[in-house]
Amino acid sequence: ENSPEERYRRMIQETLKSGHPRSLPLTAERLSQVDPKKAYAFYRSLVSRPDTFTFVFVGSVKPEELKPYLKRYLAVVPVRKKGIEGNENKAPSQTPGHEPIPPLERGADGKSAGQGKPAGGENASGGSPGNGKTAAHVPSAERESILWEVVERAGSLIDRGVRFRTESVQKVLKAGKEPRSFVTLYFTGGWDWSLDEMSYLNLLEDYLDIRLREVLREDRGGTYGVNVSITPRRAPVPEYSIEVSFGTAPTRVEELLGVLQEELEKLKTTPPLDSDVAKVKEQRFRLLERGRKENGFWRYFLTQELYYEAVDRVQGIQRSGESRNRGTLFDLWEQTARSLTPQMLQERIKNYFVENRMLRFILEPEDRFLR
């Protein structure tokens, strides 16, 4: 906890969200203030309703092969019919604005990805493989509702007021004796959320990783590498943060900071080179080609789709037919990469890198160790 690097990370965390209690780093002191019984009760309140869970299955399995196991292990989960205010004993299909999400049966190269609902499954009266408690052991009067009813939480997004700080800040931490420094810049603000824009921001992150590494490491030889990380958030309010960080010698901090900021300003007036945009596209296409063959990518994209659908439902947003029918996130990532132009990157650098919303953090050795 007391290493220079950890103190530096804490300083950033405590500043980035204006010291909001829910964003503060976990320390031994804060952990000692936690009431284990309250913490466990809070945990139980979140996981005690398996009938409200959404299950995502990804792998070399066909939906019809998976259904017997869904009946055996998930269909027997008791459905709590009370507790959803105003909707007791109603299936979601009877509740306006809360239609159940249909199963997703997409996969890579013949692999299927099934979304299993705890109440899913056809042929409700059928048996299940193996022994143990199965759907057939459930009283017949309840079996149909347990196998078919999908229970979804009805509510709204909870806004705890955690926001990225948008006022310009400069902080320096002098700690340690090693002759090295770390520099971290943050640019924050609000944005117009869309899946397309999220994909374009990811492409912008890839471009800046390439370009700033060339400028600071290869041209100036001042650092081993530059990290660019863009975090776009949708809920409870749309906001973003862009982190640019690098390590260097203490004597070169101001020089490289000047070079970095000069490069960002130049990119606001001069679009990136076509050759650099081609590198970004090729990198995205290679990622998608590999990702279509890996379960981890499919699981990530499926859970993301389900999350955004759930937020749409809670916020009462109805997507147009074109938005709903444009394919998977794999397809969207490919479409946005193909449409990318130097001017699109330039426009986003102008919009998102606002200097009067820049937070600057520097870690450097204590004065007595500076050379």
Protein backbone atom coordinates (compact mmCIF):
# COMPACT_ATOMS: atom_id res chain seq x y z
CA GLU A 1 0.00 0.00 0.00
CA ASN A 2 2.87 2.39 0.66
CA SER A 3 4.89 1.83 -2.51
CA PRO A 4 5.25 4.95 -4.68
CA GLU A 5 3.30 3.29 -7.50
CA GLU A 6 0.39 2.32 -5.24
CA ARG A 7 0.24 5.79 -3.68
CA TYR A 8 0.22 7.25 -7.19
CA ARG A 9 -2.68 5.01 -8.24
CA ARG A 10 -4.62 6.01 -5.12
CA MET A 11 -4.06 9.69 -5.81
CA ILE A 12 -5.48 9.24 -9.32
CA GLN A 13 -8.47 7.19 -8.14
CA GLU A 14 -9.34 9.65 -5.41
CA THR A 15 -9.15 12.60 -7.81
CA LEU A 16 -10.68 11.16 -10.97
CA LYS A 17 -14.18 10.89 -9.46
CA SER A 18 -13.90 13.75 -6.98
CA GLY A 19 -13.47 11.49 -3.98
CA HIS A 20 -16.87 9.82 -4.25
CA PRO A 21 -17.05 7.09 -1.55
CA ARG A 22 -18.00 4.43 -4.10
CA SER A 23 -14.94 5.15 -6.24
CA LEU A 24 -12.28 5.21 -3.54
CA PRO A 25 -9.60 2.50 -3.66
CA LEU A 26 -9.90 -0.38 -1.21
CA THR A 27 -7.28 -0.10 1.52
CA ALA A 28 -6.70 -2.10 4.69
CA GLU A 29 -8.11 0.80 6.71
CA ARG A 30 -11.32 0.97 4.66
CA LEU A 31 -11.68 -2.80 4.68
CA SER A 32 -11.47 -2.81 8.48
CA GLN A 33 -14.57 -0.57 8.56
CA VAL A 34 -16.69 -3.10 6.68
CA ASP A 35 -19.35 -4.97 8.66
CA PRO A 36 -19.05 -8.60 7.41
CA LYS A 37 -22.72 -9.34 8.18
CA LYS A 38 -23.93 -6.32 6.21
CA ALA A 39 -21.57 -7.17 3.36
CA TYR A 40 -22.85 -10.74 3.23
CA ALA A 41 -26.47 -9.59 3.37
CA PHE A 42 -25.79 -7.23 0.48
CA TYR A 43 -24.19 -10.06 -1.50
CA ARG A 44 -27.15 -12.36 -0.80
CA SER A 45 -29.59 -9.69 -1.95
CA LEU A 46 -27.90 -9.75 -5.36
CA VAL A 47 -27.49 -13.50 -5.86
CA SER A 48 -30.52 -14.93 -4.03
CA ARG A 49 -32.81 -14.71 -7.08
CA PRO A 50 -31.43 -17.22 -9.60
CA ASP A 51 -34.84 -17.16 -11.29
CA THR A 52 -33.94 -13.64 -12.51
CA PHE A 53 -30.54 -14.60 -13.95
CA THR A 54 -29.73 -14.72 -17.64
CA PHE A 55 -27.44 -17.59 -18.61
CA VAL A 56 -25.18 -17.42 -21.68
CA PHE A 57 -23.71 -20.64 -23.07
CA VAL A 58 -20.97 -20.58 -25.70
CA GLY A 59 -19.18 -23.53 -27.25
CA SER A 60 -19.36 -26.55 -29.53
CA VAL A 61 -22.89 -27.48 -28.56
CA LYS A 62 -26.18 -27.37 -30.42
CA PRO A 63 -29.26 -25.87 -28.72
CA GLU A 64 -31.17 -29.15 -28.93
CA GLU A 65 -28.30 -30.94 -27.16
CA LEU A 66 -28.28 -28.32 -24.42
CA LYS A 67 -32.01 -28.33 -23.67
CA PRO A 68 -32.07 -31.54 -21.54
CA TYR A 69 -29.41 -30.05 -19.27
CA LEU A 70 -31.32 -26.79 -19.01
CA LYS A 71 -34.35 -28.76 -17.88
CA ARG A 72 -32.35 -30.70 -15.34
CA TYR A 73 -30.29 -27.93 -13.80
CA LEU A 74 -32.09 -24.66 -14.50
CA ALA A 75 -35.79 -25.38 -15.02
CA VAL A 76 -36.10 -26.60 -11.43
CA VAL A 77 -34.99 -23.25 -10.01
CA PRO A 78 -38.02 -22.00 -8.04
CA VAL A 79 -39.72 -18.94 -9.49
CA ARG A 80 -40.61 -16.35 -6.89
CA LYS A 81 -43.93 -15.01 -8.12
CA LYS A 82 -44.11 -12.18 -5.63
CA GLY A 83 -41.81 -9.28 -5.03
CA ILE A 84 -42.15 -7.47 -8.37
CA GLU A 85 -44.34 -4.57 -7.41
CA GLY A 86 -47.64 -4.51 -9.22
CA ASN A 87 -46.86 -7.63 -11.25
CA GLU A 88 -47.40 -10.49 -8.79
CA ASN A 89 -48.23 -13.77 -10.50
CA LYS A 90 -47.77 -12.26 -13.94
CA ALA A 91 -45.37 -13.53 -16.54
CA PRO A 92 -43.25 -10.81 -18.16
CA SER A 93 -45.13 -11.28 -21.42
CA GLN A 94 -48.19 -9.93 -19.56
CA THR A 95 -46.28 -6.92 -18.26
CA PRO A 96 -46.19 -3.97 -20.69
CA GLY A 97 -42.66 -3.03 -21.72
CA HIS A 98 -41.06 -6.18 -20.32
CA GLU A 99 -41.04 -8.74 -23.10
CA PRO A 100 -38.62 -11.63 -22.54
CA ILE A 101 -35.43 -11.59 -24.60
CA PRO A 102 -35.49 -14.33 -27.26
CA PRO A 103 -32.74 -16.97 -27.18
CA LEU A 104 -29.57 -16.09 -29.08
CA GLU A 105 -28.36 -18.97 -31.21
CA ARG A 106 -25.24 -17.65 -32.89
CA GLY A 107 -21.78 -19.12 -32.91
CA ALA A 108 -18.43 -19.37 -34.61
CA ASP A 109 -17.80 -21.86 -37.41
CA GLY A 110 -20.64 -24.15 -36.50
CA LYS A 111 -20.37 -23.52 -32.79
CA SER A 112 -23.60 -22.47 -31.20
CA ALA A 113 -24.09 -19.99 -28.43
CA GLY A 114 -27.35 -20.43 -26.55
CA GLN A 115 -28.86 -18.03 -24.10
CA GLY A 116 -30.45 -20.16 -21.42
CA LYS A 117 -33.17 -18.67 -19.33
CA PRO A 118 -33.80 -20.36 -16.00
CA ALA A 119 -37.35 -21.05 -17.11
CA GLY A 120 -36.46 -22.06 -20.66
CA GLY A 121 -36.98 -25.35 -22.42
CA GLU A 122 -39.50 -27.07 -24.60
CA ASN A 123 -41.45 -30.26 -23.96
CA ALA A 124 -42.02 -29.33 -20.32
CA SER A 125 -43.24 -32.79 -19.41
CA GLY A 126 -40.15 -34.51 -20.76
CA GLY A 127 -37.47 -36.11 -18.62
CA SER A 128 -33.86 -35.10 -18.09
CA PRO A 129 -30.61 -37.01 -18.46
CA GLY A 130 -29.16 -38.72 -15.42
CA ASN A 131 -30.55 -38.97 -11.93
CA GLY A 132 -31.44 -36.40 -9.31
CA LYS A 133 -34.14 -33.77 -9.16
CA THR A 134 -35.62 -33.07 -12.60
CA ALA A 135 -38.53 -31.16 -14.06
CA ALA A 136 -40.63 -34.31 -13.69
CA HIS A 137 -40.31 -34.06 -9.88
CA VAL A 138 -41.99 -30.66 -9.81
CA PRO A 139 -45.75 -30.82 -9.08
CA SER A 140 -47.61 -30.77 -12.39
CA ALA A 141 -49.63 -27.70 -11.38
CA GLU A 142 -46.43 -25.67 -11.16
CA ARG A 143 -44.33 -27.36 -13.83
CA GLU A 144 -45.62 -25.36 -16.78
CA SER A 145 -45.03 -21.98 -15.18
CA ILE A 146 -41.60 -22.97 -13.88
CA LEU A 147 -40.49 -24.19 -17.28
CA TRP A 148 -41.92 -21.33 -19.30
CA GLU A 149 -42.13 -18.26 -17.10
CA VAL A 150 -39.23 -15.80 -17.42
CA VAL A 151 -38.92 -13.57 -14.40
CA GLU A 152 -37.25 -10.23 -15.06
CA ARG A 153 -36.56 -7.50 -12.57
CA ALA A 154 -38.76 -4.48 -13.10
CA GLY A 155 -37.11 -1.28 -11.98
CA SER A 156 -34.82 1.52 -13.02
CA LEU A 157 -31.14 2.24 -13.18
CA ILE A 158 -29.64 3.27 -9.86
CA ASP A 159 -27.67 6.51 -10.06
CA ARG A 160 -25.27 6.90 -7.14
CA GLY A 161 -23.90 10.15 -8.50
CA VAL A 162 -20.46 8.77 -9.42
CA ARG A 163 -19.06 10.95 -12.23
CA PHE A 164 -15.74 11.57 -13.88
CA ARG A 165 -14.27 14.88 -12.83
CA THR A 166 -14.31 17.38 -15.70
CA GLU A 167 -12.38 20.29 -14.15
CA SER A 168 -8.72 20.68 -15.11
CA VAL A 169 -6.38 19.36 -12.40
CA GLN A 170 -2.59 19.06 -12.05
CA LYS A 171 -1.10 16.93 -9.27
CA VAL A 172 2.47 15.80 -8.58
CA LEU A 173 3.43 13.06 -6.14
CA LYS A 174 7.06 13.02 -4.99
CA ALA A 175 7.76 9.54 -3.67
CA GLY A 176 10.48 6.93 -3.86
CA LYS A 177 14.12 7.10 -4.79
CA GLU A 178 14.21 5.33 -8.18
CA PRO A 179 15.22 7.70 -11.02
CA ARG A 180 12.00 7.26 -12.98
CA SER A 181 8.74 9.11 -13.43
CA PHE A 182 5.23 8.24 -14.56
CA VAL A 183 2.89 10.59 -16.40
CA THR A 184 -0.88 10.07 -16.69
CA LEU A 185 -3.30 12.35 -18.51
CA TYR A 186 -7.08 12.03 -18.41
CA PHE A 187 -9.60 13.74 -20.69
CA THR A 188 -13.22 13.41 -19.54
CA GLY A 189 -16.71 14.59 -20.44
CA GLY A 190 -20.13 13.63 -21.76
CA TRP A 191 -20.91 12.08 -25.15
CA ASP A 192 -23.76 10.91 -27.36
CA TRP A 193 -23.95 7.19 -26.73
CA SER A 194 -24.35 4.70 -29.57
CA LEU A 195 -22.92 1.30 -30.39
CA ASP A 196 -21.39 2.74 -33.55
CA GLU A 197 -19.64 5.49 -31.60
CA MET A 198 -18.31 2.96 -29.09
CA SER A 199 -16.73 1.06 -31.95
CA TYR A 200 -15.25 4.23 -33.46
CA LEU A 201 -13.77 5.16 -30.08
CA ASN A 202 -12.16 1.75 -29.91
CA LEU A 203 -10.64 2.40 -33.34
CA LEU A 204 -9.44 5.81 -32.14
CA GLU A 205 -7.76 4.11 -29.18
CA ASP A 206 -5.95 1.74 -31.56
CA TYR A 207 -4.80 4.63 -33.74
CA LEU A 208 -3.48 6.69 -30.84
CA ASP A 209 -1.65 3.67 -29.44
CA ILE A 210 0.20 3.41 -32.75
CA ARG A 211 0.79 7.11 -33.35
CA LEU A 212 1.84 8.19 -29.86
CA ARG A 213 4.16 5.22 -29.54
CA GLU A 214 5.85 6.30 -32.78
CA VAL A 215 6.19 9.91 -31.62
CA LEU A 216 7.38 9.35 -28.04
CA ARG A 217 9.28 6.08 -28.27
CA GLU A 218 10.54 5.68 -31.80
CA ASP A 219 11.09 9.34 -32.74
CA ARG A 220 12.20 10.67 -29.33
CA GLY A 221 13.44 7.53 -27.60
CA GLY A 222 11.97 8.88 -24.37
CA THR A 223 9.86 5.94 -23.18
CA TYR A 224 9.44 2.20 -23.57
CA GLY A 225 5.81 2.58 -24.48
CA VAL A 226 2.62 4.63 -24.33
CA ASN A 227 -0.73 3.35 -23.11
CA VAL A 228 -4.00 4.77 -24.42
CA SER A 229 -7.26 3.60 -22.84
CA ILE A 230 -10.70 4.97 -23.71
CA THR A 231 -13.59 4.17 -21.35
CA PRO A 232 -17.00 5.13 -22.77
CA ARG A 233 -19.91 4.61 -20.38
CA ARG A 234 -23.59 4.60 -21.12
CA ALA A 235 -25.31 4.36 -17.74
CA PRO A 236 -26.44 5.94 -15.54
CA VAL A 237 -25.41 8.90 -17.74
CA PRO A 238 -23.26 8.85 -20.89
CA GLU A 239 -19.71 9.90 -20.04
CA TYR A 240 -16.19 8.99 -21.12
CA SER A 241 -12.61 9.07 -19.91
CA ILE A 242 -9.45 8.84 -22.02
CA GLU A 243 -6.22 7.87 -20.30
CA VAL A 244 -2.81 8.47 -21.87
CA SER A 245 0.13 7.30 -19.76
CA PHE A 246 3.84 6.62 -20.09
CA GLY A 247 6.98 6.25 -18.01
CA THR A 248 10.20 8.17 -18.55
CA ALA A 249 13.24 9.68 -16.85
CA PRO A 250 12.41 12.54 -14.43
CA THR A 251 14.48 14.96 -16.52
CA ARG A 252 12.36 14.31 -19.63
CA VAL A 253 8.85 14.65 -18.22
CA GLU A 254 8.14 18.19 -19.40
CA GLU A 255 9.80 17.61 -22.78
CA LEU A 256 7.69 14.54 -23.60
CA LEU A 257 4.53 16.10 -22.21
CA GLY A 258 5.06 19.00 -24.59
CA VAL A 259 5.63 16.63 -27.52
CA LEU A 260 2.47 14.65 -26.68
CA GLN A 261 0.24 17.70 -26.38
CA GLU A 262 1.74 19.22 -29.52
CA GLU A 263 0.94 16.02 -31.44
CA LEU A 264 -2.66 16.01 -30.21
CA GLU A 265 -3.11 19.64 -31.26
CA LYS A 266 -1.62 18.89 -34.67
CA LEU A 267 -4.03 16.02 -35.20
CA LYS A 268 -6.94 18.40 -34.58
CA THR A 269 -5.94 20.39 -37.67
CA THR A 270 -4.26 17.73 -39.81
CA PRO A 271 -5.97 14.37 -40.37
CA PRO A 272 -4.05 11.13 -39.80
CA LEU A 273 -2.23 9.54 -42.72
CA ASP A 274 -4.13 7.08 -44.89
CA SER A 275 -1.38 4.52 -44.20
CA ASP A 276 -1.99 4.79 -40.44
CA VAL A 277 -5.74 4.36 -40.89
CA ALA A 278 -5.04 1.27 -43.00
CA LYS A 279 -2.98 -0.15 -40.10
CA VAL A 280 -5.89 0.40 -37.71
CA LYS A 281 -8.34 -1.31 -40.07
CA GLU A 282 -6.06 -4.27 -40.62
CA GLN A 283 -5.58 -4.65 -36.88
CA ARG A 284 -9.36 -4.69 -36.36
CA PHE A 285 -9.93 -7.23 -39.15
CA ARG A 286 -7.29 -9.58 -37.70
CA LEU A 287 -8.90 -9.27 -34.28
CA LEU A 288 -12.34 -10.12 -35.68
CA GLU A 289 -11.01 -13.04 -37.71
CA ARG A 290 -9.46 -14.54 -34.60
CA GLY A 291 -12.38 -13.59 -32.38
CA ARG A 292 -14.98 -15.38 -34.52
CA LYS A 293 -13.18 -18.63 -33.68
CA GLU A 294 -12.88 -18.07 -29.93
CA ASN A 295 -15.57 -18.67 -27.34
CA GLY A 296 -14.36 -15.79 -25.19
CA PHE A 297 -15.14 -13.24 -27.87
CA TRP A 298 -18.63 -14.63 -28.48
CA ARG A 299 -19.37 -14.67 -24.76
CA TYR A 300 -18.23 -11.05 -24.44
CA PHE A 301 -20.28 -9.82 -27.39
CA LEU A 302 -23.41 -11.74 -26.36
CA THR A 303 -23.31 -10.43 -22.79
CA GLN A 304 -22.75 -6.90 -24.10
CA GLU A 305 -25.79 -7.18 -26.37
CA LEU A 306 -27.92 -8.46 -23.49
CA TYR A 307 -26.72 -5.65 -21.23
CA TYR A 308 -27.60 -2.92 -23.72
CA GLU A 309 -30.98 -4.53 -24.42
CA ALA A 310 -31.66 -4.53 -20.66
CA VAL A 311 -30.69 -0.86 -20.34
CA ASP A 312 -32.96 -0.04 -23.29
CA ARG A 313 -35.85 -1.78 -21.53
CA VAL A 314 -35.28 -0.05 -18.21
CA GLN A 315 -34.95 3.36 -19.88
CA GLY A 316 -37.96 2.71 -22.13
CA ILE A 317 -35.94 3.11 -25.32
CA GLN A 318 -37.31 1.53 -28.48
CA ARG A 319 -34.69 0.79 -31.13
CA SER A 320 -35.60 1.22 -34.78
CA GLY A 321 -35.98 -1.85 -36.96
CA GLU A 322 -32.73 -0.98 -38.72
CA SER A 323 -30.86 -0.88 -35.40
CA ARG A 324 -32.32 -4.20 -34.28
CA ASN A 325 -31.61 -5.99 -37.54
CA ARG A 326 -28.05 -4.90 -38.24
CA GLY A 327 -26.54 -8.18 -37.02
CA THR A 328 -24.16 -9.02 -34.20
CA LEU A 329 -21.56 -6.78 -32.60
CA PHE A 330 -19.04 -8.66 -34.73
CA ASP A 331 -20.83 -7.30 -37.80
CA LEU A 332 -20.98 -3.78 -36.38
CA TRP A 333 -17.27 -3.79 -35.54
CA GLU A 334 -16.49 -4.85 -39.10
CA GLN A 335 -18.83 -2.28 -40.66
CA THR A 336 -17.41 0.62 -38.65
CA ALA A 337 -13.84 -0.40 -39.45
CA ARG A 338 -14.59 -0.51 -43.18
CA SER A 339 -16.17 2.96 -43.05
CA LEU A 340 -13.32 4.55 -41.06
CA THR A 341 -11.62 7.58 -42.65
CA PRO A 342 -8.79 9.92 -41.48
CA GLN A 343 -11.34 12.73 -41.12
CA MET A 344 -13.47 10.62 -38.75
CA LEU A 345 -10.50 10.12 -36.43
CA GLN A 346 -9.59 13.79 -36.64
CA GLU A 347 -13.12 14.87 -35.72
CA ARG A 348 -13.13 12.64 -32.65
CA ILE A 349 -9.75 13.91 -31.47
CA LYS A 350 -11.16 17.45 -31.65
CA ASN A 351 -14.33 16.46 -29.79
CA TYR A 352 -12.89 14.30 -27.02
CA PHE A 353 -9.47 15.82 -26.26
CA VAL A 354 -10.58 19.09 -24.68
CA GLU A 355 -7.62 20.72 -22.95
CA ASN A 356 -9.58 22.58 -20.28
CA ARG A 357 -10.94 19.21 -19.11
CA MET A 358 -7.51 17.58 -18.84
CA LEU A 359 -6.39 16.01 -15.55
CA ARG A 360 -2.60 15.70 -15.28
CA PHE A 361 -0.81 13.43 -12.79
CA ILE A 362 2.95 12.96 -12.37
CA LEU A 363 4.94 10.65 -10.13
CA GLU A 364 8.59 11.58 -9.61
CA PRO A 365 11.30 10.75 -7.05
CA GLU A 366 11.69 12.73 -3.88
CA ASP A 367 13.78 15.87 -4.36
CA ARG A 368 16.83 14.42 -2.61
CA PHE A 369 16.98 11.60 -5.13
CA LEU A 370 16.56 13.76 -8.25
CA ARG A 371 19.70 13.98 -10.36
